[in-house]
Amino acid sequence: MTSTKKDPVLAVLQLSGGNDALNTIIPYADPLYADNRPSVRVSEDQVLKIDDHIGFNPALGPIKDLFDQGKVAIILGVGYPNPNRSHFRSMDIWHTCEPEKVGNEGWLGRAIRDLDPRGENVLTGVNFGRGLPRSLAAPGVPVASVGNLETYGVLTGIDDDQRDEALDIFSRMYSPAMGRGQVMDYLSHTGMDALKGADILSTAPEKYSSTVEYGNNSVAQYMRNIAQTHIAEFGTRFLYTTAPYNSFDTHAGQMVGHSALWGEVSAAVRDFQADLIENNAADNMTLLVFTEFGRRVHDNGSGTDHGSGGIAFVVGENVKGGVYGEYPSLQESKLLEGDLHFNNDFRGLYSTVLEKWIGIDAKSVVGGEFEQMAFL
């Protein structure tokens, strides 16, 4: 009997800029929260309470609804030893799993190589947005990066003979036989992979139908693109997108800006999940939402500055919903130079997703063995 079980897929939503954990999952019952946040805090009567201690920012109402359905795991105090407050360095650490040195391979790039060592599917990994996140980059690993799925595809609108001719011309133009060595060989394979990927991805919108109406913002549209690609069943195992560059870097005007951002992101996550359910594509999809670091415990009067001890969410039909880990202490003696201490290593979060969901050995991907969690 032929199995109809589909391969598990991971989508990643990166909240670039450093999301404020304290004002996302709020320790409203701790008097030290109000003491440290005289200006940048959510009042208790606005908090969407989880229990007698913590609750959601009201802008996360759609995610709270999914949490109440048991489809959201909240990972508290996520970070790594000796945290770095630089956006670039901290995100690099999250992308490469290399806290002690500058890495040259992304964790998802390694995972793609493990799943498809010969690069047979040029769409095993797909990114939506500008550029290619370092997490997906690894030598010899093909990854498609798409700005707009509706207009993507350089070989569209032509017949099969014209397409074959274009691919043949491109292959010969960049052939290593022209005497330009390994660099041209790499360009040849990379260019061909890009063309093939574009050609296939361009068919995703025509395979898609939905009554879900996503918001008119980039996060919502990219989450819609992820849903379209997943529903099209191209064999893609990793799908990635990023909230607008550094948008969560809320040094000033945070009470308005942070709520607006989470309003967009939370609605996009809800719509994404509803879209997958409508298209019978939710059972093999899990979504990871992360950020490079949290913010400082004490506000600066208008916003919050770079800190540590962040927060992550895992969303999906196969998630064991709940709160994982302890809320980092707000006591001054237990802070790390004014920041929340981490109590969950992000590499343990990655390991859990890779081994319990994707089904591959995580040690070579994350650079060691780390404590896993029970949210899947």
Protein backbone atom coordinates (compact mmCIF):
# COMPACT_ATOMS: atom_id res chain seq x y z
CA MET A 1 0.00 0.00 0.00
CA THR A 2 1.46 3.38 -0.98
CA SER A 3 1.91 5.86 1.89
CA THR A 4 0.24 9.24 1.48
CA LYS A 5 2.09 10.78 4.43
CA LYS A 6 3.78 14.04 3.43
CA ASP A 7 7.28 15.07 4.48
CA PRO A 8 7.36 17.49 7.43
CA VAL A 9 8.07 21.12 6.52
CA LEU A 10 9.47 23.96 8.63
CA ALA A 11 8.65 27.62 8.03
CA VAL A 12 10.69 30.30 9.81
CA LEU A 13 9.60 33.87 10.50
CA GLN A 14 12.49 36.06 11.65
CA LEU A 15 11.60 39.15 13.70
CA SER A 16 14.55 41.31 12.77
CA GLY A 17 15.77 44.00 15.16
CA GLY A 18 15.38 42.35 18.56
CA ASN A 19 11.82 41.89 19.81
CA ASP A 20 11.04 43.06 23.36
CA ALA A 21 10.25 39.86 25.27
CA LEU A 22 8.97 41.70 28.35
CA ASN A 23 6.25 43.44 26.36
CA THR A 24 5.39 40.37 24.30
CA ILE A 25 4.75 37.79 27.01
CA ILE A 26 4.21 40.10 29.95
CA PRO A 27 5.01 39.19 33.60
CA TYR A 28 2.13 41.40 34.71
CA ALA A 29 1.95 40.01 38.26
CA ASP A 30 5.59 40.80 39.03
CA PRO A 31 5.84 44.27 40.63
CA LEU A 32 9.36 44.55 39.20
CA TYR A 33 7.83 44.75 35.72
CA ALA A 34 6.13 48.07 36.50
CA ASP A 35 9.16 49.27 38.46
CA ASN A 36 11.45 48.72 35.48
CA ARG A 37 8.97 49.92 32.90
CA PRO A 38 7.62 53.27 34.15
CA SER A 39 6.94 54.40 30.56
CA VAL A 40 7.07 51.37 28.27
CA ARG A 41 4.69 48.85 29.77
CA VAL A 42 1.29 47.31 29.16
CA SER A 43 -1.24 47.79 31.93
CA GLU A 44 -2.56 44.67 33.63
CA ASP A 45 -6.12 45.28 32.48
CA GLN A 46 -4.94 45.11 28.83
CA VAL A 47 -2.93 41.90 29.17
CA LEU A 48 -4.41 38.74 27.60
CA LYS A 49 -3.75 36.50 30.56
CA ILE A 50 -2.32 33.00 30.29
CA ASP A 51 -2.25 32.34 34.03
CA ASP A 52 -1.84 34.26 37.28
CA HIS A 53 1.64 35.44 36.34
CA ILE A 54 2.05 36.07 32.61
CA GLY A 55 -0.01 37.01 29.57
CA PHE A 56 0.10 38.13 25.95
CA ASN A 57 0.45 41.68 24.71
CA PRO A 58 -3.06 42.62 23.45
CA ALA A 59 -1.66 43.04 19.92
CA LEU A 60 -1.04 39.27 19.89
CA GLY A 61 -4.74 38.44 20.14
CA PRO A 62 -4.74 36.18 17.04
CA ILE A 63 -1.78 34.19 18.37
CA LYS A 64 -3.46 34.00 21.78
CA ASP A 65 -6.48 32.43 20.05
CA LEU A 66 -4.21 29.79 18.50
CA PHE A 67 -2.53 29.29 21.89
CA ASP A 68 -5.93 28.64 23.47
CA GLN A 69 -6.47 25.96 20.81
CA GLY A 70 -3.23 24.25 21.89
CA LYS A 71 -1.36 25.15 18.69
CA VAL A 72 1.30 27.52 20.08
CA ALA A 73 4.38 26.77 22.20
CA ILE A 74 5.95 29.77 23.94
CA ILE A 75 9.69 29.35 24.53
CA LEU A 76 10.83 31.66 27.31
CA GLY A 77 14.31 33.05 27.92
CA VAL A 78 15.83 31.94 24.62
CA GLY A 79 19.46 32.89 24.02
CA TYR A 80 23.05 31.67 24.30
CA PRO A 81 26.06 32.10 26.62
CA ASN A 82 27.88 35.44 26.59
CA PRO A 83 25.17 37.25 24.59
CA ASN A 84 26.13 39.88 22.04
CA ARG A 85 24.06 43.06 21.70
CA SER A 86 25.08 43.74 18.10
CA HIS A 87 22.30 43.04 15.61
CA PHE A 88 24.73 41.69 13.05
CA ARG A 89 26.79 39.50 15.35
CA SER A 90 23.85 38.14 17.34
CA MET A 91 21.85 37.30 14.23
CA ASP A 92 24.96 35.73 12.74
CA ILE A 93 25.21 33.49 15.81
CA TRP A 94 21.56 32.47 15.46
CA HIS A 95 22.07 31.83 11.74
CA THR A 96 25.27 29.78 11.98
CA CYS A 97 25.16 28.31 15.51
CA GLU A 98 28.72 29.59 16.01
CA PRO A 99 28.86 31.74 19.19
CA GLU A 100 32.65 31.63 19.44
CA LYS A 101 33.66 32.40 15.85
CA VAL A 102 32.28 33.74 12.59
CA GLY A 103 30.63 30.81 10.85
CA ASN A 104 30.55 30.27 7.10
CA GLU A 105 27.52 27.96 6.89
CA GLY A 106 23.93 28.52 7.93
CA TRP A 107 22.15 25.96 10.09
CA LEU A 108 19.35 25.51 7.56
CA GLY A 109 21.90 25.30 4.74
CA ARG A 110 23.49 22.36 6.57
CA ALA A 111 20.07 20.81 7.14
CA ILE A 112 19.22 21.11 3.44
CA ARG A 113 22.50 19.43 2.55
CA ASP A 114 21.72 16.58 4.95
CA LEU A 115 18.28 16.08 3.41
CA ASP A 116 19.38 16.50 -0.21
CA PRO A 117 23.16 15.96 -0.38
CA ARG A 118 23.28 15.96 -4.19
CA GLY A 119 21.11 19.04 -4.59
CA GLU A 120 18.51 17.15 -6.61
CA ASN A 121 15.68 19.50 -5.63
CA VAL A 122 16.58 23.15 -6.18
CA LEU A 123 13.57 24.12 -4.04
CA THR A 124 14.36 22.21 -0.85
CA GLY A 125 14.92 25.65 0.69
CA VAL A 126 13.08 28.84 -0.34
CA ASN A 127 13.37 32.35 1.11
CA PHE A 128 10.87 35.17 0.60
CA GLY A 129 12.33 38.65 0.86
CA ARG A 130 15.37 40.66 -0.09
CA GLY A 131 18.71 38.86 -0.17
CA LEU A 132 19.45 35.44 1.29
CA PRO A 133 19.54 34.96 5.08
CA ARG A 134 22.81 33.47 6.29
CA SER A 135 20.86 30.65 7.93
CA LEU A 136 20.11 29.25 4.47
CA ALA A 137 23.53 29.82 2.94
CA ALA A 138 26.01 26.96 2.57
CA PRO A 139 28.48 26.14 -0.22
CA GLY A 140 26.92 24.01 -2.93
CA VAL A 141 23.40 24.22 -1.46
CA PRO A 142 20.79 25.63 -3.86
CA VAL A 143 18.26 27.98 -2.26
CA ALA A 144 15.73 30.13 -4.10
CA SER A 145 15.21 33.68 -2.83
CA VAL A 146 12.03 35.37 -4.03
CA GLY A 147 11.00 39.00 -3.85
CA ASN A 148 7.49 38.63 -5.26
CA LEU A 149 6.05 35.22 -6.07
CA GLU A 150 3.39 36.68 -8.37
CA THR A 151 6.02 38.07 -10.76
CA TYR A 152 8.77 35.51 -10.16
CA GLY A 153 10.14 33.34 -12.95
CA VAL A 154 12.50 34.50 -15.67
CA LEU A 155 11.47 31.75 -18.11
CA THR A 156 7.74 32.22 -17.90
CA GLY A 157 5.49 33.12 -20.80
CA ILE A 158 7.43 31.05 -23.33
CA ASP A 159 6.87 27.60 -24.79
CA ASP A 160 8.87 24.46 -23.93
CA ASP A 161 11.19 24.70 -26.94
CA GLN A 162 12.08 28.31 -26.14
CA ARG A 163 12.67 27.42 -22.49
CA ASP A 164 14.96 24.53 -23.37
CA GLU A 165 16.90 26.76 -25.78
CA ALA A 166 17.33 29.47 -23.12
CA LEU A 167 18.61 26.95 -20.58
CA ASP A 168 21.01 25.49 -23.14
CA ILE A 169 22.40 28.93 -24.02
CA PHE A 170 22.86 29.81 -20.35
CA SER A 171 24.59 26.50 -19.64
CA ARG A 172 27.05 26.94 -22.53
CA MET A 173 27.66 30.59 -21.73
CA TYR A 174 28.85 29.71 -18.23
CA SER A 175 30.36 26.34 -19.03
CA PRO A 176 33.63 25.48 -17.26
CA ALA A 177 34.81 24.14 -20.64
CA MET A 178 35.47 27.78 -21.52
CA GLY A 179 38.55 27.53 -19.30
CA ARG A 180 37.45 29.68 -16.38
CA GLY A 181 37.75 26.92 -13.78
CA GLN A 182 35.85 26.26 -10.59
CA VAL A 183 34.42 29.77 -10.20
CA MET A 184 32.62 29.51 -13.53
CA ASP A 185 31.57 25.96 -12.70
CA TYR A 186 30.00 27.27 -9.51
CA LEU A 187 28.31 30.11 -11.40
CA SER A 188 27.03 27.63 -13.95
CA HIS A 189 25.41 25.40 -11.36
CA THR A 190 24.15 28.29 -9.25
CA GLY A 191 22.71 30.09 -12.26
CA MET A 192 21.07 26.97 -13.61
CA ASP A 193 19.59 26.17 -10.21
CA ALA A 194 18.20 29.70 -9.97
CA LEU A 195 16.60 29.45 -13.40
CA LYS A 196 15.10 26.04 -12.68
CA GLY A 197 13.80 27.19 -9.31
CA ALA A 198 12.25 30.32 -10.77
CA ASP A 199 10.60 28.32 -13.50
CA ILE A 200 8.98 25.93 -11.01
CA LEU A 201 8.03 28.51 -8.39
CA SER A 202 6.28 30.70 -10.93
CA THR A 203 3.57 28.02 -11.19
CA ALA A 204 2.67 28.19 -7.46
CA PRO A 205 0.02 30.96 -7.69
CA GLU A 206 -1.95 29.10 -10.35
CA LYS A 207 -2.10 26.02 -8.11
CA TYR A 208 -3.49 28.07 -5.21
CA SER A 209 -7.01 28.94 -4.18
CA SER A 210 -8.12 30.37 -0.85
CA THR A 211 -10.84 32.40 0.81
CA VAL A 212 -8.36 33.76 3.39
CA GLU A 213 -7.65 37.47 2.99
CA TYR A 214 -4.19 38.37 4.25
CA GLY A 215 -3.26 41.87 5.38
CA ASN A 216 -1.75 44.44 3.02
CA ASN A 217 1.77 44.40 4.47
CA SER A 218 5.00 42.61 3.58
CA VAL A 219 4.89 40.05 6.41
CA ALA A 220 1.36 39.00 5.47
CA GLN A 221 2.18 38.76 1.77
CA TYR A 222 5.33 36.73 2.37
CA MET A 223 3.45 34.37 4.69
CA ARG A 224 0.89 34.00 1.91
CA ASN A 225 3.73 33.19 -0.52
CA ILE A 226 5.00 30.55 1.92
CA ALA A 227 1.51 29.03 2.06
CA GLN A 228 1.25 29.06 -1.75
CA THR A 229 4.61 27.33 -2.15
CA HIS A 230 3.82 24.75 0.51
CA ILE A 231 0.39 24.00 -0.96
CA ALA A 232 1.93 23.56 -4.44
CA GLU A 233 3.95 20.58 -3.13
CA PHE A 234 7.32 21.22 -4.79
CA GLY A 235 9.11 19.12 -2.18
CA THR A 236 10.22 22.23 -0.28
CA ARG A 237 11.22 21.41 3.31
CA PHE A 238 12.31 24.82 4.60
CA LEU A 239 10.55 28.13 3.95
CA TYR A 240 11.84 31.40 5.36
CA THR A 241 10.91 35.06 5.61
CA THR A 242 11.82 38.12 7.67
CA ALA A 243 9.74 40.90 9.17
CA PRO A 244 10.85 44.26 7.65
CA TYR A 245 14.54 44.84 8.28
CA ASN A 246 15.25 45.86 11.90
CA SER A 247 11.59 46.80 12.41
CA PHE A 248 11.62 45.38 15.95
CA ASP A 249 14.52 47.64 16.96
CA THR A 250 12.27 49.78 19.16
CA HIS A 251 14.60 52.35 20.76
CA ALA A 252 11.88 55.01 20.61
CA GLY A 253 8.12 55.22 20.20
CA GLN A 254 7.84 51.59 21.22
CA MET A 255 4.32 51.58 22.66
CA VAL A 256 2.84 52.50 19.29
CA GLY A 257 5.36 50.86 16.97
CA HIS A 258 5.70 47.54 18.79
CA SER A 259 1.92 47.07 18.98
CA ALA A 260 1.50 47.89 15.31
CA LEU A 261 4.22 45.40 14.32
CA TRP A 262 2.75 42.62 16.41
CA GLY A 263 -0.70 43.41 15.09
CA GLU A 264 0.56 42.69 11.56
CA VAL A 265 2.65 39.65 12.50
CA SER A 266 0.00 38.09 14.72
CA ALA A 267 -2.71 38.46 12.07
CA ALA A 268 -0.37 37.03 9.42
CA VAL A 269 0.34 33.96 11.56
CA ARG A 270 -3.40 33.44 12.13
CA ASP A 271 -4.19 33.82 8.42
CA PHE A 272 -1.33 31.51 7.47
CA GLN A 273 -2.64 28.79 9.76
CA ALA A 274 -6.22 29.25 8.51
CA ASP A 275 -5.01 29.10 4.90
CA LEU A 276 -3.17 25.83 5.47
CA ILE A 277 -6.19 24.28 7.19
CA GLU A 278 -8.50 25.34 4.36
CA ASN A 279 -6.14 23.73 1.84
CA ASN A 280 -5.58 20.53 3.86
CA ALA A 281 -1.91 21.46 4.16
CA ALA A 282 -1.55 22.11 7.89
CA ASP A 283 -0.68 18.63 9.16
CA ASN A 284 2.89 18.65 7.86
CA MET A 285 3.77 22.30 8.56
CA THR A 286 5.36 23.83 11.67
CA LEU A 287 6.22 27.52 12.02
CA LEU A 288 9.12 28.89 14.11
CA VAL A 289 9.08 32.59 15.07
CA PHE A 290 12.32 33.99 16.55
CA THR A 291 14.35 37.15 17.09
CA GLU A 292 18.08 37.76 17.64
CA PHE A 293 17.81 39.10 21.21
CA GLY A 294 15.42 40.70 23.69
CA ARG A 295 15.51 44.26 25.03
CA ARG A 296 16.89 45.71 28.26
CA VAL A 297 14.73 45.30 31.34
CA HIS A 298 14.58 49.03 32.19
CA ASP A 299 13.03 51.28 29.56
CA ASN A 300 14.74 54.42 28.26
CA GLY A 301 11.67 56.63 28.57
CA SER A 302 10.33 56.04 25.08
CA GLY A 303 11.59 52.62 24.07
CA THR A 304 14.03 49.91 25.03
CA ASP A 305 17.63 49.25 24.07
CA HIS A 306 19.40 46.05 23.01
CA GLY A 307 19.33 43.27 25.59
CA SER A 308 19.21 39.48 25.84
CA GLY A 309 16.91 36.70 27.04
CA GLY A 310 14.49 36.69 24.12
CA ILE A 311 11.37 34.73 23.31
CA ALA A 312 10.31 32.36 20.51
CA PHE A 313 7.07 30.79 19.33
CA VAL A 314 6.43 27.46 17.62
CA VAL A 315 3.06 27.17 15.87
CA GLY A 316 1.28 24.28 14.21
CA GLU A 317 -1.15 21.39 14.35
CA ASN A 318 1.53 19.06 15.73
CA VAL A 319 2.69 21.44 18.46
CA LYS A 320 2.04 20.64 22.11
CA GLY A 321 0.85 24.07 23.12
CA GLY A 322 1.98 25.64 26.36
CA VAL A 323 4.73 27.61 28.03
CA TYR A 324 8.23 26.12 28.01
CA GLY A 325 10.95 27.26 30.36
CA GLU A 326 10.85 29.61 33.32
CA TYR A 327 10.41 33.35 32.95
CA PRO A 328 13.84 34.90 33.55
CA SER A 329 14.03 36.71 36.88
CA LEU A 330 13.61 40.50 37.00
CA GLN A 331 15.51 40.77 40.29
CA GLU A 332 18.45 43.10 39.82
CA SER A 333 20.89 40.63 41.38
CA LYS A 334 19.88 38.01 38.81
CA LEU A 335 20.08 40.22 35.73
CA LEU A 336 22.98 40.11 33.30
CA GLU A 337 24.24 43.69 33.12
CA GLY A 338 20.64 44.91 33.15
CA ASP A 339 19.36 42.19 30.82
CA LEU A 340 17.30 39.05 31.25
CA HIS A 341 19.39 35.90 31.57
CA PHE A 342 18.72 33.21 29.00
CA ASN A 343 17.60 29.82 30.31
CA ASN A 344 16.95 28.01 27.01
CA ASP A 345 19.79 27.67 24.53
CA PHE A 346 18.48 28.39 21.02
CA ARG A 347 20.47 25.43 19.73
CA GLY A 348 18.28 23.18 21.86
CA LEU A 349 15.24 24.78 20.21
CA TYR A 350 16.74 24.11 16.78
CA SER A 351 17.68 20.55 17.78
CA THR A 352 14.12 19.84 18.88
CA VAL A 353 12.70 21.03 15.57
CA LEU A 354 15.30 19.20 13.47
CA GLU A 355 15.13 15.85 15.24
CA LYS A 356 11.52 15.64 16.43
CA TRP A 357 9.96 17.33 13.39
CA ILE A 358 12.22 17.21 10.33
CA GLY A 359 13.75 13.87 11.37
CA ILE A 360 17.48 14.45 10.98
CA ASP A 361 20.39 14.26 13.41
CA ALA A 362 20.85 17.77 14.77
CA LYS A 363 24.37 17.48 16.21
CA SER A 364 26.26 18.27 13.00
CA VAL A 365 23.79 21.06 12.16
CA VAL A 366 23.87 22.97 15.46
CA GLY A 367 27.42 22.06 16.47
CA GLY A 368 26.83 19.75 19.41
CA GLU A 369 24.25 18.19 21.68
CA PHE A 370 21.83 20.51 23.49
CA GLU A 371 18.86 19.93 25.77
CA GLN A 372 15.71 19.46 23.75
CA MET A 373 12.14 20.42 24.63
CA ALA A 374 8.82 18.62 24.57
CA PHE A 375 6.74 20.96 22.40
CA LEU A 376 6.43 18.51 19.48
